[in-house]
Protein backbone atom coordinates (compact mmCIF):
# COMPACT_ATOMS: atom_id res chain seq x y z
CA MET A 1 -36.21 32.58 -56.42
CA SER A 2 -32.81 31.82 -54.88
CA HIS A 3 -32.81 35.20 -53.19
CA SER A 4 -36.16 34.48 -51.53
CA LEU A 5 -34.92 31.07 -50.33
CA SER A 6 -31.84 32.61 -48.76
CA ILE A 7 -34.02 35.18 -46.99
CA GLN A 8 -36.25 32.38 -45.64
CA ALA A 9 -33.20 30.45 -44.43
CA GLN A 10 -31.86 33.52 -42.67
CA ASN A 11 -35.24 34.13 -41.04
CA SER A 12 -35.49 30.50 -39.87
CA ALA A 13 -31.94 30.60 -38.54
CA SER A 14 -32.63 33.83 -36.68
CA SER A 15 -35.86 32.40 -35.26
CA ASN A 16 -34.03 29.23 -34.16
CA GLY A 17 -31.40 31.38 -32.52
CA ILE A 18 -34.04 33.40 -30.70
CA LEU A 19 -35.82 30.26 -29.50
CA THR A 20 -32.54 28.71 -28.33
CA ARG A 21 -31.60 31.90 -26.49
CA ASP A 22 -35.05 32.12 -24.91
CA GLN A 23 -34.91 28.53 -23.64
CA LEU A 24 -31.41 28.90 -22.23
CA SER A 25 -32.18 32.26 -20.61
CA ALA A 26 -35.43 31.02 -19.06
CA ALA A 27 -33.69 27.92 -17.63
CA ALA A 28 -30.78 29.98 -16.28
CA LEU A 29 -33.15 32.44 -14.57
CA GLY A 30 -35.47 29.71 -13.30
CA ASN A 31 -38.59 31.17 -14.98
CA ASP A 32 -40.87 28.16 -15.54
CA ASP A 33 -43.56 30.10 -17.43
CA TRP A 34 -41.12 31.64 -19.87
CA LEU A 35 -39.50 28.22 -20.40
CA GLN A 36 -42.86 26.59 -21.19
CA VAL A 37 -43.79 29.38 -23.63
CA SER A 38 -40.44 29.08 -25.44
CA LEU A 39 -40.80 25.29 -25.64
CA LYS A 40 -44.33 25.58 -27.08
CA ALA A 41 -43.06 28.08 -29.66
CA ALA A 42 -40.45 25.48 -30.71
CA ASN A 43 -43.08 22.70 -30.90
CA SER A 44 -41.74 21.07 -27.70
CA GLU A 45 -38.26 20.80 -29.22
CA VAL A 46 -35.38 21.44 -26.84
CA LYS A 47 -32.81 23.58 -28.64
CA VAL A 48 -29.04 23.07 -28.48
CA ASP A 49 -26.44 25.82 -28.85
CA ARG A 50 -23.09 25.52 -30.64
CA HIS A 51 -21.37 24.11 -27.53
CA GLY A 52 -24.00 21.42 -26.96
CA PHE A 53 -25.69 23.14 -24.01
CA THR A 54 -29.43 22.74 -23.56
CA ALA A 55 -31.94 24.24 -21.16
CA LEU A 56 -31.36 21.26 -18.82
CA HIS A 57 -27.64 22.02 -18.65
CA LEU A 58 -28.27 25.69 -17.81
CA ALA A 59 -30.89 24.78 -15.21
CA ALA A 60 -28.41 22.41 -13.53
CA LEU A 61 -25.58 24.96 -13.76
CA TYR A 62 -27.58 27.66 -11.92
CA GLY A 63 -29.44 25.28 -9.59
CA ARG A 64 -32.95 25.76 -10.97
CA LEU A 65 -34.63 22.63 -9.65
CA SER A 66 -38.14 23.48 -10.86
CA CYS A 67 -36.92 23.88 -14.45
CA MET A 68 -35.01 20.61 -14.21
CA LYS A 69 -38.13 18.78 -13.04
CA LEU A 70 -40.16 20.32 -15.89
CA LEU A 71 -37.64 19.26 -18.55
CA VAL A 72 -37.01 15.77 -17.17
CA GLU A 73 -40.52 14.75 -16.16
CA LYS A 74 -42.70 16.50 -18.74
CA TYR A 75 -40.41 16.68 -21.79
CA LYS A 76 -38.58 13.39 -21.03
CA MET A 77 -35.04 14.72 -21.31
CA SER A 78 -32.22 12.39 -20.31
CA VAL A 79 -30.41 13.23 -17.09
CA ASP A 80 -27.19 11.88 -18.65
CA LEU A 81 -27.30 14.17 -21.70
CA ALA A 82 -23.74 15.43 -22.33
CA ASN A 83 -22.58 18.50 -24.26
CA HIS A 84 -19.68 18.61 -26.70
CA TYR A 85 -17.16 18.53 -23.82
CA GLY A 86 -18.75 15.55 -22.07
CA LEU A 87 -20.30 17.59 -19.24
CA THR A 88 -23.56 16.17 -17.93
CA PRO A 89 -26.15 17.94 -15.73
CA LEU A 90 -24.61 16.16 -12.72
CA HIS A 91 -21.22 17.76 -13.48
CA LEU A 92 -22.76 21.20 -13.91
CA ALA A 93 -24.88 20.96 -10.76
CA LEU A 94 -21.63 20.84 -8.76
CA ASP A 95 -20.22 24.06 -10.22
CA MET A 96 -19.60 27.12 -8.06
CA LYS A 97 -22.42 28.99 -9.89
CA THR A 98 -24.98 26.60 -8.41
CA GLY A 99 -24.38 27.99 -4.94
CA PRO A 100 -26.20 26.48 -1.95
CA ARG A 101 -28.78 24.79 -4.24
CA ALA A 102 -26.28 22.16 -5.41
CA LEU A 103 -27.21 19.47 -2.89
CA GLU A 104 -30.90 19.30 -3.79
CA CYS A 105 -30.12 19.31 -7.52
CA VAL A 106 -27.58 16.50 -7.14
CA GLN A 107 -29.97 14.50 -5.00
CA TYR A 108 -32.74 14.87 -7.59
CA LEU A 109 -30.46 13.80 -10.47
CA LEU A 110 -29.28 10.73 -8.56
CA GLU A 111 -32.87 9.79 -7.76
CA ARG A 112 -33.68 9.99 -11.47
CA GLY A 113 -30.88 7.52 -12.26
CA ALA A 114 -27.99 9.76 -13.28
CA LYS A 115 -24.69 7.93 -13.81
CA VAL A 116 -22.43 8.73 -10.91
CA ASN A 117 -19.13 7.67 -12.53
CA VAL A 118 -19.60 9.28 -15.96
CA GLN A 119 -16.44 10.99 -17.26
CA THR A 120 -15.89 14.03 -19.45
CA LYS A 121 -13.41 14.14 -22.32
CA SER A 122 -10.74 15.19 -19.82
CA GLY A 123 -11.62 12.29 -17.50
CA LEU A 124 -13.42 14.32 -14.82
CA THR A 125 -16.12 12.58 -12.83
CA PRO A 126 -18.79 14.32 -10.73
CA LEU A 127 -16.73 13.41 -7.66
CA HIS A 128 -13.74 15.26 -9.17
CA GLN A 129 -15.91 18.33 -9.64
CA ALA A 130 -17.28 18.16 -6.10
CA ALA A 131 -13.76 17.73 -4.70
CA LYS A 132 -12.50 20.70 -6.68
CA GLU A 133 -15.28 22.94 -5.33
CA GLY A 134 -14.96 21.55 -1.78
CA ARG A 135 -18.61 20.50 -1.44
CA GLN A 136 -18.41 17.98 1.39
CA ASP A 137 -22.16 17.32 1.57
CA CYS A 138 -22.26 16.50 -2.16
CA ILE A 139 -19.12 14.36 -1.84
CA THR A 140 -20.79 12.31 0.88
CA LEU A 141 -23.91 11.89 -1.26
CA LEU A 142 -21.91 10.82 -4.33
CA VAL A 143 -19.81 8.30 -2.39
CA GLU A 144 -22.93 6.76 -0.87
CA ALA A 145 -24.38 6.49 -4.39
CA GLY A 146 -21.35 4.45 -5.53
CA ALA A 147 -18.86 7.02 -6.83
CA ASP A 148 -15.38 5.63 -7.45
CA VAL A 149 -12.99 7.30 -5.01
CA HIS A 150 -9.98 5.94 -6.95
CA ALA A 151 -11.06 7.37 -10.33
CA LYS A 152 -8.35 9.27 -12.23
CA ASP A 153 -8.65 12.01 -14.82
CA SER A 154 -6.49 12.47 -17.91
CA GLN A 155 -3.71 13.93 -15.74
CA GLY A 156 -3.76 10.97 -13.34
CA GLN A 157 -5.32 12.90 -10.45
CA THR A 158 -7.88 11.45 -8.07
CA PRO A 159 -10.56 13.46 -6.22
CA PHE A 160 -8.32 13.26 -3.15
CA ASP A 161 -5.51 14.95 -5.12
CA LEU A 162 -7.83 17.77 -6.16
CA CYS A 163 -8.83 18.32 -2.53
CA LYS A 164 -5.16 18.69 -1.63
CA ILE A 165 -4.49 21.06 -4.53
CA TRP A 166 -7.40 23.36 -3.66
CA SER A 167 -6.82 23.08 0.13
CA HIS A 168 -10.14 21.48 1.12
CA LYS A 169 -8.89 19.70 4.24
CA ALA A 170 -12.17 18.29 5.54
CA CYS A 171 -13.05 16.83 2.13
CA ALA A 172 -9.53 15.40 1.80
CA ARG A 173 -9.77 13.64 5.18
CA PHE A 174 -13.17 12.16 4.27
CA LEU A 175 -11.99 10.93 0.86
CA ARG A 176 -8.79 9.51 2.33
CA TYR A 177 -10.81 7.48 4.83
CA LYS A 178 -13.14 6.22 2.08
CA MET A 179 -10.16 5.23 -0.07
CA TRP A 180 -8.65 3.28 2.84
CA GLU A 181 -12.02 1.63 3.54
CA LYS A 182 -12.40 0.61 -0.12
CA GLN A 183 -8.85 -0.80 -0.23
CA LYS A 184 -9.48 -2.88 2.89
CA HIS A 185 -12.78 -4.20 1.53
CA ASP A 186 -11.22 -5.13 -1.82
CA LEU A 187 -8.23 -6.75 -0.10
CA SER A 188 -10.47 -8.86 2.13
CA HIS A 189 -12.55 -9.93 -0.88
CA GLU A 190 -9.47 -10.94 -2.88
CA MET A 191 -7.98 -12.80 0.10
CA LYS A 192 -11.18 -14.85 0.40
CA LYS A 193 -10.88 -15.67 -3.29
CA MET A 194 -7.27 -16.70 -2.69
CA GLU A 195 -8.31 -18.98 0.16
CA LYS A 196 -10.95 -20.65 -2.03
CA LEU A 197 -8.37 -21.07 -4.78
CA LYS A 198 -6.01 -22.85 -2.39
CA LYS A 199 -8.74 -25.28 -1.34
CA ASP A 200 -9.63 -26.02 -4.96
CA ILE A 201 -5.98 -26.68 -5.85
CA ILE A 202 -5.54 -29.07 -2.93
CA ALA A 203 -8.74 -30.95 -3.80
CA SER A 204 -7.88 -31.31 -7.50
CA GLU A 205 -4.14 -32.05 -7.20
CA LYS A 206 -4.19 -34.45 -4.25
CA GLU A 207 -4.33 -37.55 -6.45
CA THR A 208 -1.54 -36.28 -8.70
CA LEU A 209 0.67 -35.54 -5.71
CA SER A 210 0.12 -39.01 -4.22
CA ARG A 211 1.00 -40.65 -7.54
CA ILE A 212 4.20 -38.61 -7.82
CA LYS A 213 5.17 -39.56 -4.27
CA LYS A 214 4.78 -43.23 -5.13
CA ASP A 215 6.91 -42.77 -8.24
CA HIS A 216 9.58 -41.12 -6.09
CA GLU A 217 9.56 -44.10 -3.73
CA VAL A 218 9.97 -46.53 -6.66
CA ILE A 219 12.90 -44.55 -8.05
CA GLN A 220 14.57 -44.50 -4.63
CA HIS A 221 14.29 -48.28 -4.39
CA LEU A 222 15.77 -48.68 -7.85
CA HIS A 223 18.72 -46.48 -6.95
CA PHE A 224 19.15 -48.51 -3.79
CA CYS A 225 19.28 -51.75 -5.80
CA GLU A 226 21.91 -50.27 -8.12
CA TRP A 227 23.94 -49.26 -5.10
CA LEU A 228 23.72 -52.84 -3.77
CA ASP A 229 24.98 -54.25 -7.06
CA LYS A 230 27.96 -51.89 -7.06
CA LYS A 231 28.88 -52.65 -3.45
CA GLY A 232 28.97 -56.38 -3.97
CA LEU A 233 27.01 -57.24 -0.84
CA PRO A 234 25.66 -60.74 -0.07
CA GLU A 235 22.90 -62.14 -2.24
CA LYS A 236 20.45 -62.48 0.62
CA LEU A 237 20.53 -58.74 1.23
CA LYS A 238 20.13 -58.08 -2.49
CA GLU A 239 17.15 -60.43 -2.75
CA SER A 240 15.39 -58.86 0.24
CA ALA A 241 15.94 -55.37 -1.19
CA ARG A 242 14.69 -56.45 -4.62
CA SER A 243 11.62 -58.04 -3.10
CA GLN A 244 10.87 -54.78 -1.36
CA THR A 245 11.18 -52.86 -4.64
CA GLN A 246 8.85 -55.34 -6.35
CA THR A 247 6.17 -55.01 -3.69
CA SER A 248 6.39 -51.23 -3.73
CA SER A 249 6.28 -51.15 -7.54
CA LYS A 250 3.18 -53.35 -7.58
CA SER A 251 1.42 -51.10 -5.08
CA SER A 252 2.25 -48.01 -7.18
CA GLY A 253 1.46 -49.63 -10.55
CA TYR A 254 5.10 -49.57 -11.64
CA ARG A 255 6.15 -51.79 -14.54
CA LYS A 256 9.59 -53.21 -15.07
CA GLY A 257 11.86 -51.17 -17.30
CA SER A 258 9.89 -47.95 -16.97
CA GLY A 259 12.29 -46.19 -14.62
CA GLU A 260 13.58 -43.81 -17.26
CA GLN A 261 10.06 -42.94 -18.38
CA CYS A 262 9.13 -42.25 -14.77
CA ASN A 263 12.16 -40.00 -14.39
CA LYS A 264 11.24 -38.08 -17.55
CA SER A 265 7.63 -37.71 -16.52
CA LEU A 266 8.68 -36.44 -13.10
CA SER A 267 11.13 -33.93 -14.52
CA SER A 268 8.55 -32.65 -17.00
CA LYS A 269 5.57 -32.48 -14.64
CA THR A 270 7.18 -31.55 -11.34
CA PRO A 271 7.83 -27.78 -11.08
CA LYS A 272 10.94 -26.37 -9.54
CA ARG A 273 9.09 -25.55 -6.38
CA ALA A 274 7.25 -28.88 -6.24
CA VAL A 275 9.10 -30.59 -3.41
CA LEU A 276 7.81 -32.94 -0.83
CA PRO A 277 6.41 -31.36 2.33
CA SER A 278 9.20 -30.44 4.68
CA ALA A 279 9.69 -32.03 8.05
CA ARG A 280 9.30 -28.65 9.70
CA SER A 281 5.68 -28.37 8.60
CA HIS A 282 4.96 -31.89 9.92
CA LYS A 283 6.60 -31.03 13.21
CA TRP A 284 4.48 -27.91 13.47
CA LYS A 285 1.31 -29.88 12.85
CA ASP A 286 2.32 -32.59 15.32
CA HIS A 287 3.23 -29.94 17.88
CA SER A 288 -0.11 -28.21 17.54
CA ASN A 289 -1.94 -31.53 17.80
CA SER A 290 0.08 -32.49 20.86
CA GLN A 291 -0.77 -29.17 22.49
CA HIS A 292 -4.45 -29.78 21.94
CA SER A 293 -4.16 -33.33 23.25
CA VAL A 294 -2.32 -32.13 26.37
CA THR A 295 -4.96 -29.53 27.11
CA LYS A 296 -7.71 -32.12 26.60
CA GLU A 297 -5.97 -34.56 28.98
CA ASN A 298 -5.51 -31.84 31.57
CA GLN A 299 -9.16 -30.90 31.32
CA SER A 300 -10.25 -34.53 31.53
CA HIS A 301 -8.11 -35.29 34.60
CA GLY A 302 -8.89 -31.97 36.26
CA LYS A 303 -5.26 -30.93 36.55
CA LYS A 304 -4.21 -27.35 37.02
CA GLU A 305 -3.02 -25.53 33.93
CA LEU A 306 0.46 -24.07 33.74
CA LYS A 307 0.89 -20.62 35.24
CA ARG A 308 1.35 -17.70 32.96
CA TRP A 309 4.52 -15.69 32.76
CA ASN A 310 4.78 -13.34 35.72
CA SER A 311 5.31 -9.89 34.21
CA SER A 312 5.68 -8.19 37.60
CA VAL A 313 8.88 -6.49 38.67
CA LYS A 314 8.81 -8.45 41.92
CA PRO A 315 8.58 -12.20 41.23
CA SER A 316 7.30 -12.84 44.77
CA ARG A 317 3.91 -11.30 44.02
CA PRO A 318 1.80 -11.12 40.84
CA PRO A 319 1.26 -7.85 39.00
CA ILE A 320 -1.39 -5.49 40.34
CA THR A 321 -3.29 -5.23 37.06
CA GLU A 322 -4.01 -8.18 34.78
CA ILE A 323 -4.69 -7.01 31.24
CA SER A 324 -3.68 -10.10 29.27
CA ARG A 325 -6.10 -12.72 27.95
CA ASP A 326 -5.88 -16.42 27.40
CA PHE A 327 -4.45 -17.62 24.11
CA GLN A 328 -7.61 -19.60 23.39
CA ASP A 329 -9.71 -16.47 23.82
CA LEU A 330 -7.52 -14.68 21.29
CA GLN A 331 -7.98 -17.53 18.84
CA SER A 332 -11.74 -17.43 19.22
CA ALA A 333 -11.74 -13.67 18.73
CA HIS A 334 -9.89 -14.08 15.42
CA SER A 335 -11.69 -17.18 14.19
CA GLU A 336 -11.86 -15.91 10.60
CA GLU A 337 -8.11 -16.04 10.02
CA PHE A 338 -6.90 -17.61 6.82
CA SER A 339 -5.20 -20.98 6.76
CA SER A 340 -1.40 -21.12 6.69
CA GLU A 341 -1.02 -24.36 4.75
CA ASP A 342 2.02 -24.41 2.47
CA LEU A 343 1.28 -25.37 -1.16
CA GLY A 344 4.92 -25.76 -2.16
CA SER A 345 4.31 -29.35 -3.24
CA TYR A 346 1.26 -28.45 -5.35
CA VAL A 347 1.97 -25.32 -7.38
CA LEU A 348 4.66 -23.23 -9.07
CA LEU A 349 4.42 -19.44 -8.83
CA SER A 350 6.04 -17.28 -11.51
CA LYS A 351 5.55 -14.07 -13.51
CA ASP A 352 4.35 -13.73 -17.08
CA GLU A 353 5.62 -11.32 -19.75
CA ARG A 354 3.72 -8.39 -18.25
CA GLY A 355 5.00 -9.07 -14.73
CA LEU A 356 1.67 -10.42 -13.47
CA PRO A 357 1.57 -13.49 -11.18
CA ARG A 358 1.02 -16.86 -12.83
CA ILE A 359 0.18 -20.10 -10.97
CA ASN A 360 0.84 -23.55 -12.49
CA THR A 361 -0.21 -26.75 -10.71
CA ILE A 362 1.83 -29.92 -10.40
CA SER A 363 -0.15 -31.53 -13.22
CA GLY A 364 0.76 -28.72 -15.62
CA LYS A 365 -2.53 -26.77 -15.52
CA GLU A 366 -2.54 -22.98 -15.33
CA VAL A 367 -4.84 -21.59 -12.65
CA SER A 368 -7.12 -18.77 -13.76
CA PRO A 369 -8.31 -16.29 -12.78
CA VAL A 370 -5.58 -15.29 -10.34
CA PRO A 371 -6.81 -12.98 -7.51
CA ASN A 372 -6.00 -9.31 -7.96
CA LEU A 373 -3.27 -9.19 -5.32
CA PRO A 374 0.41 -8.15 -5.38
CA PHE A 375 2.93 -10.87 -6.19
CA GLU A 376 4.41 -10.76 -2.67
CA MET A 377 1.02 -11.33 -1.03
CA ILE A 378 0.22 -14.28 -3.30
CA GLU A 379 3.64 -15.77 -2.57
CA ARG A 380 3.16 -15.30 1.18
CA SER A 381 -0.29 -16.92 0.98
CA LEU A 382 0.84 -19.94 -1.04
CA PHE A 383 4.17 -20.51 0.72
CA PRO A 384 3.92 -19.05 4.24
CA GLY A 385 6.88 -21.02 5.56
CA SER A 386 9.42 -20.00 2.91
CA VAL A 387 8.86 -16.24 2.74
CA PRO A 388 10.90 -14.45 5.44
CA HIS A 389 9.12 -12.02 7.69
CA GLN A 390 10.00 -8.44 6.81
CA ARG A 391 10.34 -6.43 9.98
CA LEU A 392 10.63 -2.97 8.44
CA LEU A 393 8.06 -2.05 5.82
CA SER A 394 7.62 1.49 4.57
CA PRO A 395 4.05 2.69 3.99
CA LYS A 396 2.67 2.09 0.53
CA ASN A 397 2.03 5.77 -0.24
CA PHE A 398 5.23 7.02 1.42
CA THR A 399 7.26 8.10 -1.62
CA ALA A 400 9.68 10.97 -1.97
CA ASN A 401 8.59 13.62 -4.48
CA HIS A 402 10.48 16.59 -5.80
CA ILE A 403 8.91 19.91 -4.91
CA LEU A 404 8.65 20.84 -8.60
CA ASP A 405 6.66 17.66 -9.31
CA VAL A 406 4.03 18.34 -6.62
CA PRO A 407 0.74 19.42 -8.28
CA ARG A 408 -0.39 22.89 -7.27
CA LYS A 409 -2.81 25.52 -8.46
CA GLN A 410 -1.76 28.62 -10.34
CA LEU A 411 -0.46 31.70 -8.53
CA PRO A 412 -3.08 34.13 -7.18
CA SER A 413 -3.59 37.49 -8.84
CA ASN A 414 -2.42 40.75 -7.34
CA ALA A 415 -5.89 41.49 -5.98
CA GLN A 416 -6.03 38.13 -4.22
CA ARG A 417 -2.58 38.30 -2.64
CA PRO A 418 -2.45 39.16 1.08
CA LYS A 419 -1.40 42.65 2.04
CA SER A 420 1.90 43.34 3.68
CA GLU A 421 2.09 44.03 7.40
CA ILE A 422 3.84 47.32 6.74
CA SER A 423 0.52 48.97 5.86
CA TYR A 424 -0.88 48.03 9.25
CA HIS A 425 2.16 49.41 11.05
CA LEU A 426 1.97 52.68 9.11
CA GLN A 427 -1.79 53.08 9.66
CA GLN A 428 -1.30 55.42 12.56
CA LYS A 429 0.51 57.86 10.29
CA VAL A 430 -1.95 57.59 7.39
CA ASP A 431 -5.31 57.35 9.18
CA PRO A 432 -6.89 60.84 9.35
CA ASN A 433 -8.85 59.99 12.49
CA TYR A 434 -5.63 59.19 14.28
CA LEU A 435 -4.05 62.41 13.08
CA LYS A 436 -7.10 64.37 14.22
CA LEU A 437 -6.94 62.84 17.68
CA THR A 438 -3.26 63.56 18.01
CA ASN A 439 -3.72 67.19 16.95
CA ASN A 440 -6.50 67.68 19.50
CA PHE A 441 -4.33 66.14 22.16
CA LEU A 442 -1.43 68.43 21.26
CA SER A 443 -3.64 71.51 21.28
CA LEU A 444 -4.70 70.75 24.84
């Protein structure tokens, strides 16, 4: 009995192996009729081999679009089905075996909802595979479908790095431009979030800042009264100074004997960077307002505006060409610039344990979420007047690498290596046609 069961198991295993081989072979060759017959013999069950490959994977690998449509539309196979290594039909459709049929296969898979950023066990995305093979048309299609140009595999390589390794220059230039475009878009989005955050901080902490200013004024008057008592000045001057402190304390809600408490509250709530607005910022605001008022007065009275700087070599006559524009025109052209208001009296900027930026307001609240920007950019946005302007900045990606650390592909085989020029120079001595011509010439 056991012997008959083992024979039946062997027969079923051999039949399953034959059906699996038939399905995979039919999909690889693109024979729709053979594939349908093999699927009917397996009761519409799609077989899987020991590596996790199915007929859909083989059809995508060899670019058999008709077989892919049959398996996906009639037998409802998933376009994101992965084998044991994490390879999906979209990965396999970008292989070198697909040939010129890769673009239509990739386009069909994307139309059927294939995930464009799916990763294998080694971290490869379909964009990595397309960059490795140098398929620029497929790279363009994947990027338009939302492929991540900054994705990294398990070795930390991006699709742009693979283009450089395999010397696909046109693909590398396209991916580099898309990476720059994505960085600029993300930076603009985060800067808008930073601008909104600044407005929210100013709106919520305005009352707290005004109360702290009043407390500072009360403390200054108290120190002034103590100084009067130590100096021994006349009583009339002391009484007038004390009356001023009483009126200011009433307006700020200050009670007698609470000076120490006010000092403690100020030292606990006021951050190190929380200082009163500097006079330079007020002067800048007043100066800008005065400029606007002067221009308005000139326009109202019809006076002539001031002449521009004469950039000509000869001061007696203006320059021949006039390529400059008015300052107001430049301002209108860049009307979406961000505000340069200093929040030094509202917030404290620091770093947490992981080195990430952390923003605390003057009332002790921690602002979250912080925009995804470098610490220097957040500092320059919050405190534009205190951060010095750096004249020399090296490019972000300009880093020195050792030649041994540069990623490169393996050495070519002997058959792939270029021939030496010596063989071309010695061709005249080896080529029999040349020898025949020379002998005929000598015989004449």
